[in-house]
Structures are given as structure tokens and as C-alpha cells.
Amino acid sequence: MVSNLDSDPITELSLVRAVRRLAAAKTLCLAGSNVVEMETR
């Protein structure tokens, strides 16, 4: 399975995109909670 992933650029791209999407979502969540904290103070 590992060699399969290595030889498939499409799978690699989708994996990278998924990771980036997760990181972006995390950043958005953190920014959102920061804004909420500022508004409640």
C-alpha cells in the first residue's frame, strides 16, 4: 500500500490538500475563538 501511495501523485496531492485544509480550519477556529474572547471581555 505504501508503494502504491508513492507512485500515485493524485493521492499524494489529495493528502496534502486534506492536511492543508485541516490546518486552515484549525487556524480559522483559533481566530474565531480569539474574536469571541475579545467580544465577551
C-alpha atoms as a PDB file:
ATOM      1  CA  MET A   1       0.000   0.000   0.000  1.00  0.00           C
ATOM      2  CA  VAL A   2       2.848   2.378   0.783  1.00  0.00           C
ATOM      3  CA  SER A   3       4.476   1.915  -2.622  1.00  0.00           C
ATOM      4  CA  ASN A   4       1.039   2.430  -4.157  1.00  0.00           C
ATOM      5  CA  LEU A   5       0.741   5.830  -2.490  1.00  0.00           C
ATOM      6  CA  ASP A   6       4.248   6.811  -3.558  1.00  0.00           C
ATOM      7  CA  SER A   7       3.569   6.029  -7.217  1.00  0.00           C
ATOM      8  CA  ASP A   8       0.200   7.821  -7.246  1.00  0.00           C
ATOM      9  CA  PRO A   9       0.686  11.631  -7.438  1.00  0.00           C
ATOM     10  CA  ILE A  10      -3.079  12.221  -7.331  1.00  0.00           C
ATOM     11  CA  THR A  11      -3.377  10.516  -3.954  1.00  0.00           C
ATOM     12  CA  GLU A  12      -0.378  12.460  -2.667  1.00  0.00           C
ATOM     13  CA  LEU A  13      -1.905  15.738  -3.837  1.00  0.00           C
ATOM     14  CA  SER A  14      -5.247  14.986  -2.212  1.00  0.00           C
ATOM     15  CA  LEU A  15      -3.455  14.057   1.027  1.00  0.00           C
ATOM     16  CA  VAL A  16      -1.521  17.331   1.010  1.00  0.00           C
ATOM     17  CA  ARG A  17      -4.716  19.253   0.279  1.00  0.00           C
ATOM     18  CA  ALA A  18      -6.524  17.494   3.119  1.00  0.00           C
ATOM     19  CA  VAL A  19      -3.717  18.337   5.549  1.00  0.00           C
ATOM     20  CA  ARG A  20      -3.683  21.968   4.408  1.00  0.00           C
ATOM     21  CA  ARG A  21      -7.468  22.128   4.728  1.00  0.00           C
ATOM     22  CA  LEU A  22      -7.249  20.792   8.293  1.00  0.00           C
ATOM     23  CA  ALA A  23      -4.556  23.322   9.174  1.00  0.00           C
ATOM     24  CA  ALA A  24      -6.618  26.159   7.684  1.00  0.00           C
ATOM     25  CA  ALA A  25      -9.717  25.028   9.578  1.00  0.00           C
ATOM     26  CA  LYS A  26      -7.723  24.894  12.817  1.00  0.00           C
ATOM     27  CA  THR A  27      -6.397  28.416  12.218  1.00  0.00           C
ATOM     28  CA  LEU A  28      -9.908  29.693  11.482  1.00  0.00           C
ATOM     29  CA  CYS A  29     -11.247  28.062  14.653  1.00  0.00           C
ATOM     30  CA  LEU A  30      -8.456  29.622  16.732  1.00  0.00           C
ATOM     31  CA  ALA A  31      -9.035  33.047  15.179  1.00  0.00           C
ATOM     32  CA  GLY A  32     -12.789  32.731  15.728  1.00  0.00           C
ATOM     33  CA  SER A  33     -12.399  31.822  19.400  1.00  0.00           C
ATOM     34  CA  ASN A  34      -9.994  34.741  19.852  1.00  0.00           C
ATOM     35  CA  VAL A  35     -12.572  37.143  18.398  1.00  0.00           C
ATOM     36  CA  VAL A  36     -15.265  35.721  20.673  1.00  0.00           C
ATOM     37  CA  GLU A  37     -12.981  36.158  23.681  1.00  0.00           C
ATOM     38  CA  MET A  38     -12.320  39.792  22.738  1.00  0.00           C
ATOM     39  CA  GLU A  39     -16.048  40.498  22.294  1.00  0.00           C
ATOM     40  CA  THR A  40     -17.011  38.950  25.639  1.00  0.00           C
ATOM     41  CA  ARG A  41     -14.436  40.984  27.565  1.00  0.00           C
END
